[in-house]
Amino acid sequence: MLTPRTELIANNEQFRKLATEHTQYAQRLDSLIQKRFLTEEEKLEETRLKKLKLRLKDQMESIERQYRQDVAANQVA
């Protein structure tokens, strides 16, 4: 049985796009975190990436929550 997240990645274009963006931001953030010192510009980018990642995560969780509700409603019906 596939998890809701796996189902959504496979079947929901919007969710897949959000997940891809989230992964890209996470990778860039990881590369910044690996640096010993960050320039002021990099510090701003780090903050921006964290906010973007959080926004995407919230959107993905909203889609996943709606998916779970739809699945539950279909099982009852």
Protein backbone atom coordinates (compact mmCIF):
# COMPACT_ATOMS: atom_id res chain seq x y z
CA MET A 1 0.00 0.00 0.00
CA LEU A 2 1.37 3.39 -0.98
CA THR A 3 1.53 6.25 1.49
CA PRO A 4 -0.60 9.34 0.77
CA ARG A 5 2.57 11.30 0.02
CA THR A 6 3.75 8.68 -2.49
CA GLU A 7 0.30 8.57 -4.09
CA LEU A 8 0.26 12.35 -4.40
CA ILE A 9 3.76 12.51 -5.90
CA ALA A 10 2.74 9.90 -8.45
CA ASN A 11 -0.67 11.33 -9.31
CA ASN A 12 -0.86 15.03 -8.41
CA GLU A 13 1.13 17.42 -10.59
CA GLN A 14 0.85 20.34 -8.15
CA PHE A 15 2.04 18.24 -5.21
CA ARG A 16 4.91 16.80 -7.29
CA LYS A 17 5.99 20.33 -8.29
CA LEU A 18 5.91 21.51 -4.67
CA ALA A 19 7.90 18.46 -3.53
CA THR A 20 10.51 19.05 -6.23
CA GLU A 21 10.89 22.71 -5.27
CA HIS A 22 11.10 21.78 -1.59
CA THR A 23 13.91 19.31 -2.36
CA GLN A 24 15.80 21.90 -4.41
CA TYR A 25 15.56 24.47 -1.61
CA ALA A 26 16.68 21.86 0.93
CA GLN A 27 19.71 20.98 -1.18
CA ARG A 28 20.72 24.63 -1.59
CA LEU A 29 20.19 25.20 2.13
CA ASP A 30 22.38 22.18 2.91
CA SER A 31 25.14 23.59 0.73
CA LEU A 32 24.97 26.88 2.63
CA ILE A 33 25.00 25.14 6.00
CA GLN A 34 28.18 23.28 5.01
CA LYS A 35 30.06 26.55 4.67
CA ARG A 36 32.12 27.65 7.62
CA PHE A 37 31.23 31.32 7.18
CA LEU A 38 28.39 32.93 5.29
CA THR A 39 28.43 36.31 3.62
CA GLU A 40 25.61 38.70 4.46
CA GLU A 41 24.03 37.82 1.13
CA GLU A 42 24.25 34.11 1.92
CA LYS A 43 22.71 34.68 5.35
CA LEU A 44 19.78 36.45 3.69
CA GLU A 45 19.48 33.60 1.19
CA GLU A 46 19.51 31.07 4.04
CA THR A 47 16.64 32.88 5.76
CA ARG A 48 14.73 33.20 2.50
CA LEU A 49 15.18 29.50 1.70
CA LYS A 50 13.99 28.46 5.15
CA LYS A 51 10.83 30.55 4.71
CA LEU A 52 10.23 29.19 1.21
CA LYS A 53 10.71 25.61 2.40
CA LEU A 54 8.27 26.14 5.23
CA ARG A 55 5.68 27.68 2.90
CA LEU A 56 5.99 24.73 0.51
CA LYS A 57 5.77 22.25 3.37
CA ASP A 58 2.58 23.92 4.59
CA GLN A 59 1.09 23.77 1.09
CA MET A 60 2.04 20.11 0.72
CA GLU A 61 0.54 19.25 4.11
CA SER A 62 -2.67 21.03 3.15
CA ILE A 63 -2.94 18.99 -0.06
CA GLU A 64 -2.12 15.80 1.84
CA ARG A 65 -4.73 16.57 4.51
CA GLN A 66 -7.38 17.15 1.81
CA TYR A 67 -6.35 13.91 0.10
CA ARG A 68 -6.75 11.97 3.36
CA GLN A 69 -10.19 13.50 3.90
CA ASP A 70 -11.23 12.60 0.35
CA VAL A 71 -10.01 9.02 0.78
CA ALA A 72 -11.84 8.69 4.10
CA ALA A 73 -15.04 10.10 2.59
CA ASN A 74 -14.83 7.67 -0.34
CA GLN A 75 -14.37 4.72 2.01
CA VAL A 76 -17.49 5.66 3.98
CA ALA A 77 -19.60 6.17 0.86
